[in-house]
Amino acid sequence: MDEESLIQRVLHLRQVEKLSGRQIAKLLRIGGRKVSRILKGNDSAKPIPPKTVIDDYYHLMVHWFKEYPNLRAKQIFERLKEYGYQGGYGSVVKYSLEFRQTKSKAYHPLVFLPGEEAQVDWFFVNLPGLGKMAGFLYVLAYSRYAWGMFYPKHSFEFFLAGHVACFKNIDGLAHRHRYDNLKSVIIKHTPEEIKYNGQFLDFARHYNFSIHVCNPYSGNEKGRVERIIKDIRPFLYAEKFTDLKDLNCKFHAWLDNRNNTIHRSTKKKPNELLIEERLKGLPHSYPTSRVIMGAASKTALVEFETNKYSVPSSCAGKMVEIAAYPAYIEIYVSEDCVANHNRCFDKNKMIQNPLHAEKLLERSPHFKMQRILQLIRNMDHVFAYFIDNQENEDDEIEAAYQLFSLMKNHSRAMLVSAVRELNTLKCFKIKALNSLLNLPEAQDPKPLWPRNIKLLNLKYEERNLNDYNPNKEDLGAT
């Protein structure tokens, strides 16, 4: 028996027949040491695994992964149960591991001309004290110059506002913009059809740039913006921010520093290459709003993003259009703007303008003053503090009514600012408020006086009334 046959015979007797080394040596009539050397020298030889329940379903997994390469083990397990699989989930995980291994990919480097393209994307972070923030990032592909903003939401109006802010910062825009499959850009993306967002097409037509959409699950096609997002995250988690304004201030400082740092690929500063960018000029501004249809309730309230905003009582029950801007909303009825409110980003709040209920209050004067007091107090905590510090209940009602009257001729922001200053000074007088607003105090009308004061001392002789009423005798004589 040759050496190779002897080795295979020893391994077979050991692994299949389960004989000991001594039994193998006796059976083959060879020394025990030789048997030990053969077994030690073939430790890498794995024993033939026994057949398992899942072996019968191997061909199914091959077919499924060929058709859908990104299937998960949980999905395979659910499918196998439909074919009568009785094994456990762990076996499926282990058996399908070879199919689910990430396969290495190779890509062609993307080269761009100056001003040819910009890559745009959203990214999201959860920050202590601020919650979930949406970051908008705009990167010029040639120079790697980056600019962006943080917003409380990533809805369409903020998407447009982010573009406009970046256009103003670089004083222009690229000829083509590359996007992922964002709902603000793409409504539907299939191999047969790409359905664009109509309002965004109008925005692109206004600024005269073309749209390039990445293939699904192909983040490598916009690698420049993805790389910067990866660099931004460590900076965000290492800093502390008091509010959204502070977040944007520190974010812009970080971007300025990055744009003045030599880039790892170009070996130049993005700010230096920005001069070489051949950007398109900016047309007149575009309204950064999103229009939503709605209806006013019977209590003259319009719901938007879980919050309720007041409209004039005459609009109760009517259909409305809500134009949502990043900082405020406008409500239209039959193309007429009937209400304008600062946008609220809390949940389930009620934002009311007391003037909207003025006509309704005139119909029910018995509780008019109490209702005005309630509306003004709930309108802003600054007003509530001012009213609550009046001397008595009558003064509270009077202060609320005066604030209600001032709102007819002054903006809410101006009144809030003035009342806040009075609260700081611990002065809760309406006269002081009028003084801050440069309003004249009510005064009694001044009497009129002649220029020559001596005319007031003139005396005259009263005439007899008979001069005006002659005697009847005299009348009869004529």
Foldseek 3Di string as FASTA:
>chain_A
DDPVVLLVVLVCCCQPVVDDLVVSCVVVVHDSVVSVVSCVVVVVDDRDDDDDLCVVCVVVLVVVCVVPLQDDLVVVVVVVVVVPRDDDSVVSCVVCVVSNDDDDDDDDDDADDFLAEKEWDWDWDQAPPEGIKIKIKIAGPHLRQIDIAIARDDDQLVVQVGVVVVCVVLQFHGQEYEYECDCSFFVDDDPVDTHTDPVVVVVCVQRNHYYHYDDPPCCVVRVSVVVVVVVVVVVRVVDHADYRVRVRVVVVVVSVVQQCDQDPPPRHRSVVCSVVHPGHHGDDDDNSWDKDKFAAACVQWTDDQQEIEHFANVRHGAIWIWTDHRFKIFIDGPNHTGDIGTDDPDHNYYAYDVVSCVVVCVVPVVCNLVVLLVCQLVNDVLSVLLLVPDDDPVSSSVSSVVVSVVVVPDPPVVLSVLSNVCVVVVHNDVVSSCVVVVHDDDDDDDDDDDPDNCVVVDDDDDDDCCVVVPDVVVVVVD
